[in-house]
Amino acid sequence: MGPEYFWGSGMWIFPIIMLVVILLVIYLIFGRGRMVPPWYDNDRHYHRHDMPNTALEILKERYAKGEITKEQFGQMKKDILS
C-alpha cells in the first residue's frame, strides 16, 4: 500500500472535511462582523465616546459654538442641574 492507495480510494476527502470544520469553527468564533469571541459581553465593555451626549455636554457645546449667550448658558445650566 503506497501513497496511490490513499489518494485513489477516496481518502483525500478527509483532509478537506477537516479543513472545512476548522474554518467553520473559526467563523463561529470570530466571523460575526467583529474580532471578538462570543463570550465577550458588549454591554460591559463600552467606550466613553460611544455614549450619547448628556444634556449638560450638549449645552456646553452650544455655548462653545456661540449659539447661546453666557446668561442663557447659566440659566439653562441651572435648569438642568436642578
PDB file of N, CA and C in Angstrom:
ATOM      1  N   MET A   1       0.832  -1.184   0.000  1.00  0.00           N
ATOM      2  CA  MET A   1       0.000   0.000   0.000  1.00  0.00           C
ATOM      3  C   MET A   1       0.875   1.246   0.000  1.00  0.00           C
ATOM      4  N   GLY A   2       0.925   1.894  -1.104  1.00  0.00           N
ATOM      5  CA  GLY A   2       1.728   3.101  -1.246  1.00  0.00           C
ATOM      6  C   GLY A   2       0.847   4.327  -1.180  1.00  0.00           C
ATOM      7  N   PRO A   3       1.405   5.476  -1.523  1.00  0.00           N
ATOM      8  CA  PRO A   3       0.640   6.719  -1.486  1.00  0.00           C
ATOM      9  C   PRO A   3      -0.516   6.719  -2.480  1.00  0.00           C
ATOM     10  N   GLU A   4      -0.429   5.946  -3.542  1.00  0.00           N
ATOM     11  CA  GLU A   4      -1.537   5.891  -4.503  1.00  0.00           C
ATOM     12  C   GLU A   4      -2.779   5.279  -3.883  1.00  0.00           C
ATOM     13  N   TYR A   5      -2.613   4.448  -2.869  1.00  0.00           N
ATOM     14  CA  TYR A   5      -3.771   3.854  -2.197  1.00  0.00           C
ATOM     15  C   TYR A   5      -4.566   4.920  -1.449  1.00  0.00           C
ATOM     16  N   PHE A   6      -3.862   5.840  -0.794  1.00  0.00           N
ATOM     17  CA  PHE A   6      -4.520   6.919  -0.042  1.00  0.00           C
ATOM     18  C   PHE A   6      -5.350   7.819  -0.958  1.00  0.00           C
ATOM     19  N   TRP A   7      -4.746   8.290  -2.035  1.00  0.00           N
ATOM     20  CA  TRP A   7      -5.448   9.225  -2.917  1.00  0.00           C
ATOM     21  C   TRP A   7      -6.444   8.532  -3.828  1.00  0.00           C
ATOM     22  N   GLY A   8      -6.208   7.320  -4.199  1.00  0.00           N
ATOM     23  CA  GLY A   8      -7.083   6.658  -5.144  1.00  0.00           C
ATOM     24  C   GLY A   8      -8.331   6.075  -4.525  1.00  0.00           C
ATOM     25  N   SER A   9      -8.344   5.859  -3.236  1.00  0.00           N
ATOM     26  CA  SER A   9      -9.501   5.203  -2.632  1.00  0.00           C
ATOM     27  C   SER A   9     -10.479   6.173  -1.983  1.00  0.00           C
ATOM     28  N   GLY A  10     -10.328   7.431  -2.210  1.00  0.00           N
ATOM     29  CA  GLY A  10     -11.272   8.390  -1.661  1.00  0.00           C
ATOM     30  C   GLY A  10     -10.888   8.937  -0.303  1.00  0.00           C
ATOM     31  N   MET A  11      -9.719   8.591   0.191  1.00  0.00           N
ATOM     32  CA  MET A  11      -9.288   9.090   1.496  1.00  0.00           C
ATOM     33  C   MET A  11      -8.895  10.565   1.440  1.00  0.00           C
ATOM     34  N   TRP A  12      -8.776  11.130   0.265  1.00  0.00           N
ATOM     35  CA  TRP A  12      -8.424  12.532   0.103  1.00  0.00           C
ATOM     36  C   TRP A  12      -9.512  13.457   0.641  1.00  0.00           C
ATOM     37  N   ILE A  13     -10.723  12.941   0.803  1.00  0.00           N
ATOM     38  CA  ILE A  13     -11.835  13.778   1.247  1.00  0.00           C
ATOM     39  C   ILE A  13     -11.712  14.163   2.719  1.00  0.00           C
ATOM     40  N   PHE A  14     -11.036  13.350   3.543  1.00  0.00           N
ATOM     41  CA  PHE A  14     -10.948  13.631   4.973  1.00  0.00           C
ATOM     42  C   PHE A  14     -10.129  14.883   5.293  1.00  0.00           C
ATOM     43  N   PRO A  15      -9.009  15.153   4.635  1.00  0.00           N
ATOM     44  CA  PRO A  15      -8.332  16.438   4.901  1.00  0.00           C
ATOM     45  C   PRO A  15      -9.183  17.641   4.501  1.00  0.00           C
ATOM     46  N   ILE A  16      -9.961  17.500   3.442  1.00  0.00           N
ATOM     47  CA  ILE A  16     -10.835  18.599   3.031  1.00  0.00           C
ATOM     48  C   ILE A  16     -11.948  18.800   4.052  1.00  0.00           C
ATOM     49  N   ILE A  17     -12.532  17.726   4.551  1.00  0.00           N
ATOM     50  CA  ILE A  17     -13.578  17.832   5.579  1.00  0.00           C
ATOM     51  C   ILE A  17     -13.002  18.477   6.838  1.00  0.00           C
ATOM     52  N   MET A  18     -11.795  18.088   7.223  1.00  0.00           N
ATOM     53  CA  MET A  18     -11.167  18.668   8.403  1.00  0.00           C
ATOM     54  C   MET A  18     -10.923  20.152   8.223  1.00  0.00           C
ATOM     55  N   LEU A  19     -10.495  20.563   7.049  1.00  0.00           N
ATOM     56  CA  LEU A  19     -10.286  21.975   6.760  1.00  0.00           C
ATOM     57  C   LEU A  19     -11.597  22.748   6.853  1.00  0.00           C
ATOM     58  N   VAL A  20     -12.664  22.195   6.317  1.00  0.00           N
ATOM     59  CA  VAL A  20     -13.975  22.839   6.386  1.00  0.00           C
ATOM     60  C   VAL A  20     -14.430  22.979   7.844  1.00  0.00           C
ATOM     61  N   VAL A  21     -14.224  21.944   8.643  1.00  0.00           N
ATOM     62  CA  VAL A  21     -14.615  22.003  10.054  1.00  0.00           C
ATOM     63  C   VAL A  21     -13.820  23.079  10.790  1.00  0.00           C
ATOM     64  N   ILE A  22     -12.520  23.154  10.546  1.00  0.00           N
ATOM     65  CA  ILE A  22     -11.689  24.172  11.199  1.00  0.00           C
ATOM     66  C   ILE A  22     -12.137  25.572  10.790  1.00  0.00           C
ATOM     67  N   LEU A  23     -12.394  25.782   9.512  1.00  0.00           N
ATOM     68  CA  LEU A  23     -12.861  27.086   9.043  1.00  0.00           C
ATOM     69  C   LEU A  23     -14.223  27.441   9.635  1.00  0.00           C
ATOM     70  N   LEU A  24     -15.088  26.441   9.793  1.00  0.00           N
ATOM     71  CA  LEU A  24     -16.403  26.678  10.397  1.00  0.00           C
ATOM     72  C   LEU A  24     -16.267  27.099  11.859  1.00  0.00           C
ATOM     73  N   VAL A  25     -15.394  26.457  12.585  1.00  0.00           N
ATOM     74  CA  VAL A  25     -15.182  26.820  13.990  1.00  0.00           C
ATOM     75  C   VAL A  25     -14.616  28.235  14.097  1.00  0.00           C
ATOM     76  N   ILE A  26     -13.662  28.575  13.240  1.00  0.00           N
ATOM     77  CA  ILE A  26     -13.104  29.930  13.243  1.00  0.00           C
ATOM     78  C   ILE A  26     -14.186  30.950  12.914  1.00  0.00           C
ATOM     79  N   TYR A  27     -15.030  30.650  11.958  1.00  0.00           N
ATOM     80  CA  TYR A  27     -16.117  31.577  11.609  1.00  0.00           C
ATOM     81  C   TYR A  27     -17.094  31.750  12.763  1.00  0.00           C
ATOM     82  N   LEU A  28     -17.457  30.660  13.434  1.00  0.00           N
ATOM     83  CA  LEU A  28     -18.407  30.752  14.535  1.00  0.00           C
ATOM     84  C   LEU A  28     -17.862  31.573  15.696  1.00  0.00           C
ATOM     85  N   ILE A  29     -16.559  31.543  15.884  1.00  0.00           N
ATOM     86  CA  ILE A  29     -15.978  32.309  16.986  1.00  0.00           C
ATOM     87  C   ILE A  29     -15.748  33.765  16.596  1.00  0.00           C
ATOM     88  N   PHE A  30     -15.161  33.999  15.442  1.00  0.00           N
ATOM     89  CA  PHE A  30     -14.736  35.354  15.088  1.00  0.00           C
ATOM     90  C   PHE A  30     -15.445  35.968  13.889  1.00  0.00           C
ATOM     91  N   GLY A  31     -16.295  35.262  13.211  1.00  0.00           N
ATOM     92  CA  GLY A  31     -16.838  35.757  11.953  1.00  0.00           C
ATOM     93  C   GLY A  31     -18.161  36.467  12.056  1.00  0.00           C
ATOM     94  N   ARG A  32     -18.422  37.097  13.155  1.00  0.00           N
ATOM     95  CA  ARG A  32     -19.702  37.771  13.331  1.00  0.00           C
ATOM     96  C   ARG A  32     -19.594  39.262  13.075  1.00  0.00           C
ATOM     97  N   GLY A  33     -18.637  39.659  12.252  1.00  0.00           N
ATOM     98  CA  GLY A  33     -18.502  41.063  11.891  1.00  0.00           C
ATOM     99  C   GLY A  33     -17.507  41.810  12.751  1.00  0.00           C
ATOM    100  N   ARG A  34     -17.019  41.197  13.799  1.00  0.00           N
ATOM    101  CA  ARG A  34     -16.015  41.825  14.638  1.00  0.00           C
ATOM    102  C   ARG A  34     -15.133  40.748  15.232  1.00  0.00           C
ATOM    103  N   MET A  35     -13.953  41.095  15.591  1.00  0.00           N
ATOM    104  CA  MET A  35     -12.971  40.119  16.050  1.00  0.00           C
ATOM    105  C   MET A  35     -13.050  39.937  17.567  1.00  0.00           C
ATOM    106  N   VAL A  36     -14.171  39.478  18.059  1.00  0.00           N
ATOM    107  CA  VAL A  36     -14.316  39.186  19.482  1.00  0.00           C
ATOM    108  C   VAL A  36     -14.978  37.831  19.632  1.00  0.00           C
ATOM    109  N   PRO A  37     -14.617  37.096  20.651  1.00  0.00           N
ATOM    110  CA  PRO A  37     -15.250  35.797  20.863  1.00  0.00           C
ATOM    111  C   PRO A  37     -16.694  35.952  21.315  1.00  0.00           C
ATOM    112  N   PRO A  38     -17.512  34.913  21.187  1.00  0.00           N
ATOM    113  CA  PRO A  38     -18.937  35.031  21.527  1.00  0.00           C
ATOM    114  C   PRO A  38     -19.196  35.301  22.995  1.00  0.00           C
ATOM    115  N   TRP A  39     -18.249  34.983  23.884  1.00  0.00           N
ATOM    116  CA  TRP A  39     -18.476  35.218  25.301  1.00  0.00           C
ATOM    117  C   TRP A  39     -18.141  36.652  25.704  1.00  0.00           C
ATOM    118  N   TYR A  40     -17.729  37.486  24.770  1.00  0.00           N
ATOM    119  CA  TYR A  40     -17.421  38.891  25.039  1.00  0.00           C
ATOM    120  C   TYR A  40     -18.714  39.635  25.306  1.00  0.00           C
ATOM    121  N   ASP A  41     -18.826  40.238  26.481  1.00  0.00           N
ATOM    122  CA  ASP A  41     -20.043  40.951  26.868  1.00  0.00           C
ATOM    123  C   ASP A  41     -19.948  42.390  26.393  1.00  0.00           C
ATOM    124  N   ASN A  42     -20.656  42.712  25.348  1.00  0.00           N
ATOM    125  CA  ASN A  42     -20.577  44.033  24.749  1.00  0.00           C
ATOM    126  C   ASN A  42     -21.146  45.109  25.656  1.00  0.00           C
ATOM    127  N   ASP A  43     -22.098  44.781  26.516  1.00  0.00           N
ATOM    128  CA  ASP A  43     -22.690  45.788  27.392  1.00  0.00           C
ATOM    129  C   ASP A  43     -21.719  46.233  28.479  1.00  0.00           C
ATOM    130  N   ARG A  44     -20.822  45.355  28.886  1.00  0.00           N
ATOM    131  CA  ARG A  44     -19.860  45.715  29.926  1.00  0.00           C
ATOM    132  C   ARG A  44     -18.686  46.485  29.374  1.00  0.00           C
ATOM    133  N   HIS A  45     -18.347  46.262  28.124  1.00  0.00           N
ATOM    134  CA  HIS A  45     -17.155  46.846  27.535  1.00  0.00           C
ATOM    135  C   HIS A  45     -17.554  47.913  26.525  1.00  0.00           C
ATOM    136  N   TYR A  46     -17.867  49.075  27.008  1.00  0.00           N
ATOM    137  CA  TYR A  46     -18.219  50.168  26.112  1.00  0.00           C
ATOM    138  C   TYR A  46     -17.184  51.272  26.257  1.00  0.00           C
ATOM    139  N   HIS A  47     -17.134  52.115  25.267  1.00  0.00           N
ATOM    140  CA  HIS A  47     -16.199  53.221  25.276  1.00  0.00           C
ATOM    141  C   HIS A  47     -16.950  54.509  25.570  1.00  0.00           C
ATOM    142  N   ARG A  48     -16.290  55.436  26.176  1.00  0.00           N
ATOM    143  CA  ARG A  48     -16.913  56.707  26.552  1.00  0.00           C
ATOM    144  C   ARG A  48     -17.446  57.443  25.326  1.00  0.00           C
ATOM    145  N   HIS A  49     -16.719  57.405  24.213  1.00  0.00           N
ATOM    146  CA  HIS A  49     -17.158  58.145  23.025  1.00  0.00           C
ATOM    147  C   HIS A  49     -18.377  57.508  22.367  1.00  0.00           C
ATOM    148  N   ASP A  50     -18.729  56.280  22.750  1.00  0.00           N
ATOM    149  CA  ASP A  50     -19.913  55.637  22.198  1.00  0.00           C
ATOM    150  C   ASP A  50     -21.191  56.056  22.921  1.00  0.00           C
ATOM    151  N   MET A  51     -21.031  56.641  24.095  1.00  0.00           N
ATOM    152  CA  MET A  51     -22.204  57.017  24.873  1.00  0.00           C
ATOM    153  C   MET A  51     -22.821  58.293  24.296  1.00  0.00           C
ATOM    154  N   PRO A  52     -24.139  58.403  24.345  1.00  0.00           N
ATOM    155  CA  PRO A  52     -24.765  59.628  23.852  1.00  0.00           C
ATOM    156  C   PRO A  52     -24.436  60.806  24.778  1.00  0.00           C
ATOM    157  N   ASN A  53     -24.438  61.983  24.208  1.00  0.00           N
ATOM    158  CA  ASN A  53     -24.136  63.174  24.996  1.00  0.00           C
ATOM    159  C   ASN A  53     -25.241  63.445  26.006  1.00  0.00           C
ATOM    160  N   THR A  54     -24.822  63.915  27.182  1.00  0.00           N
ATOM    161  CA  THR A  54     -25.802  64.318  28.188  1.00  0.00           C
ATOM    162  C   THR A  54     -26.272  65.728  27.848  1.00  0.00           C
ATOM    163  N   ALA A  55     -27.318  66.150  28.516  1.00  0.00           N
ATOM    164  CA  ALA A  55     -27.865  67.478  28.254  1.00  0.00           C
ATOM    165  C   ALA A  55     -26.837  68.562  28.572  1.00  0.00           C
ATOM    166  N   LEU A  56     -26.076  68.378  29.642  1.00  0.00           N
ATOM    167  CA  LEU A  56     -25.075  69.375  30.010  1.00  0.00           C
ATOM    168  C   LEU A  56     -23.944  69.438  28.979  1.00  0.00           C
ATOM    169  N   GLU A  57     -23.534  68.299  28.442  1.00  0.00           N
ATOM    170  CA  GLU A  57     -22.494  68.302  27.410  1.00  0.00           C
ATOM    171  C   GLU A  57     -22.977  69.005  26.143  1.00  0.00           C
ATOM    172  N   ILE A  58     -24.226  68.770  25.781  1.00  0.00           N
ATOM    173  CA  ILE A  58     -24.796  69.443  24.603  1.00  0.00           C
ATOM    174  C   ILE A  58     -24.859  70.942  24.840  1.00  0.00           C
ATOM    175  N   LEU A  59     -25.242  71.332  26.064  1.00  0.00           N
ATOM    176  CA  LEU A  59     -25.307  72.754  26.404  1.00  0.00           C
ATOM    177  C   LEU A  59     -23.928  73.401  26.323  1.00  0.00           C
ATOM    178  N   LYS A  60     -22.904  72.706  26.830  1.00  0.00           N
ATOM    179  CA  LYS A  60     -21.536  73.234  26.756  1.00  0.00           C
ATOM    180  C   LYS A  60     -21.079  73.377  25.310  1.00  0.00           C
ATOM    181  N   GLU A  61     -21.432  72.417  24.463  1.00  0.00           N
ATOM    182  CA  GLU A  61     -21.063  72.508  23.048  1.00  0.00           C
ATOM    183  C   GLU A  61     -21.738  73.695  22.375  1.00  0.00           C
ATOM    184  N   ARG A  62     -23.007  73.919  22.695  1.00  0.00           N
ATOM    185  CA  ARG A  62     -23.729  75.059  22.101  1.00  0.00           C
ATOM    186  C   ARG A  62     -23.115  76.378  22.541  1.00  0.00           C
ATOM    187  N   TYR A  63     -22.713  76.454  23.820  1.00  0.00           N
ATOM    188  CA  TYR A  63     -22.072  77.679  24.316  1.00  0.00           C
ATOM    189  C   TYR A  63     -20.713  77.883  23.649  1.00  0.00           C
ATOM    190  N   ALA A  64     -19.972  76.798  23.484  1.00  0.00           N
ATOM    191  CA  ALA A  64     -18.661  76.897  22.847  1.00  0.00           C
ATOM    192  C   ALA A  64     -18.772  77.327  21.389  1.00  0.00           C
ATOM    193  N   LYS A  65     -19.826  76.912  20.727  1.00  0.00           N
ATOM    194  CA  LYS A  65     -20.032  77.289  19.323  1.00  0.00           C
ATOM    195  C   LYS A  65     -20.561  78.709  19.185  1.00  0.00           C
ATOM    196  N   GLY A  66     -21.004  79.306  20.283  1.00  0.00           N
ATOM    197  CA  GLY A  66     -21.532  80.663  20.232  1.00  0.00           C
ATOM    198  C   GLY A  66     -23.008  80.718  19.897  1.00  0.00           C
ATOM    199  N   GLU A  67     -23.697  79.608  20.016  1.00  0.00           N
ATOM    200  CA  GLU A  67     -25.122  79.580  19.698  1.00  0.00           C
ATOM    201  C   GLU A  67     -25.960  80.232  20.792  1.00  0.00           C
ATOM    202  N   ILE A  68     -25.451  80.242  22.022  1.00  0.00           N
ATOM    203  CA  ILE A  68     -26.178  80.848  23.142  1.00  0.00           C
ATOM    204  C   ILE A  68     -25.226  81.776  23.891  1.00  0.00           C
ATOM    205  N   THR A  69     -25.802  82.730  24.612  1.00  0.00           N
ATOM    206  CA  THR A  69     -25.001  83.686  25.371  1.00  0.00           C
ATOM    207  C   THR A  69     -24.658  83.099  26.735  1.00  0.00           C
ATOM    208  N   LYS A  70     -23.787  83.843  27.458  1.00  0.00           N
ATOM    209  CA  LYS A  70     -23.367  83.395  28.782  1.00  0.00           C
ATOM    210  C   LYS A  70     -24.555  83.373  29.741  1.00  0.00           C
ATOM    211  N   GLU A  71     -25.434  84.344  29.642  1.00  0.00           N
ATOM    212  CA  GLU A  71     -26.609  84.391  30.516  1.00  0.00           C
ATOM    213  C   GLU A  71     -27.550  83.211  30.236  1.00  0.00           C
ATOM    214  N   GLN A  72     -27.764  82.939  28.940  1.00  0.00           N
ATOM    215  CA  GLN A  72     -28.606  81.802  28.575  1.00  0.00           C
ATOM    216  C   GLN A  72     -27.974  80.493  29.053  1.00  0.00           C
ATOM    217  N   PHE A  73     -26.652  80.392  28.907  1.00  0.00           N
ATOM    218  CA  PHE A  73     -25.948  79.197  29.358  1.00  0.00           C
ATOM    219  C   PHE A  73     -26.124  79.011  30.860  1.00  0.00           C
ATOM    220  N   GLY A  74     -25.939  80.081  31.618  1.00  0.00           N
ATOM    221  CA  GLY A  74     -26.080  79.994  33.079  1.00  0.00           C
ATOM    222  C   GLY A  74     -27.483  79.587  33.485  1.00  0.00           C
ATOM    223  N   GLN A  75     -28.485  80.176  32.846  1.00  0.00           N
ATOM    224  CA  GLN A  75     -29.876  79.845  33.191  1.00  0.00           C
ATOM    225  C   GLN A  75     -30.209  78.401  32.815  1.00  0.00           C
ATOM    226  N   MET A  76     -29.794  77.982  31.627  1.00  0.00           N
ATOM    227  CA  MET A  76     -30.082  76.612  31.189  1.00  0.00           C
ATOM    228  C   MET A  76     -29.335  75.591  32.049  1.00  0.00           C
ATOM    229  N   LYS A  77     -28.103  75.918  32.426  1.00  0.00           N
ATOM    230  CA  LYS A  77     -27.340  75.012  33.280  1.00  0.00           C
ATOM    231  C   LYS A  77     -28.011  74.872  34.642  1.00  0.00           C
ATOM    232  N   LYS A  78     -28.501  75.971  35.171  1.00  0.00           N
ATOM    233  CA  LYS A  78     -29.208  75.930  36.464  1.00  0.00           C
ATOM    234  C   LYS A  78     -30.481  75.098  36.343  1.00  0.00           C
ATOM    235  N   ASP A  79     -31.174  75.213  35.208  1.00  0.00           N
ATOM    236  CA  ASP A  79     -32.398  74.425  34.981  1.00  0.00           C
ATOM    237  C   ASP A  79     -32.083  72.936  34.875  1.00  0.00           C
ATOM    238  N   ILE A  80     -30.997  72.617  34.206  1.00  0.00           N
ATOM    239  CA  ILE A  80     -30.634  71.213  34.017  1.00  0.00           C
ATOM    240  C   ILE A  80     -30.225  70.577  35.335  1.00  0.00           C
ATOM    241  N   LEU A  81     -29.426  71.300  36.122  1.00  0.00           N
ATOM    242  CA  LEU A  81     -28.891  70.722  37.357  1.00  0.00           C
ATOM    243  C   LEU A  81     -29.896  70.723  38.513  1.00  0.00           C
ATOM    244  N   SER A  82     -30.988  71.425  38.356  1.00  0.00           N
ATOM    245  CA  SER A  82     -31.973  71.432  39.451  1.00  0.00           C
ATOM    246  C   SER A  82     -33.010  70.357  39.282  1.00  0.00           C
TER     247      SER A  82
END
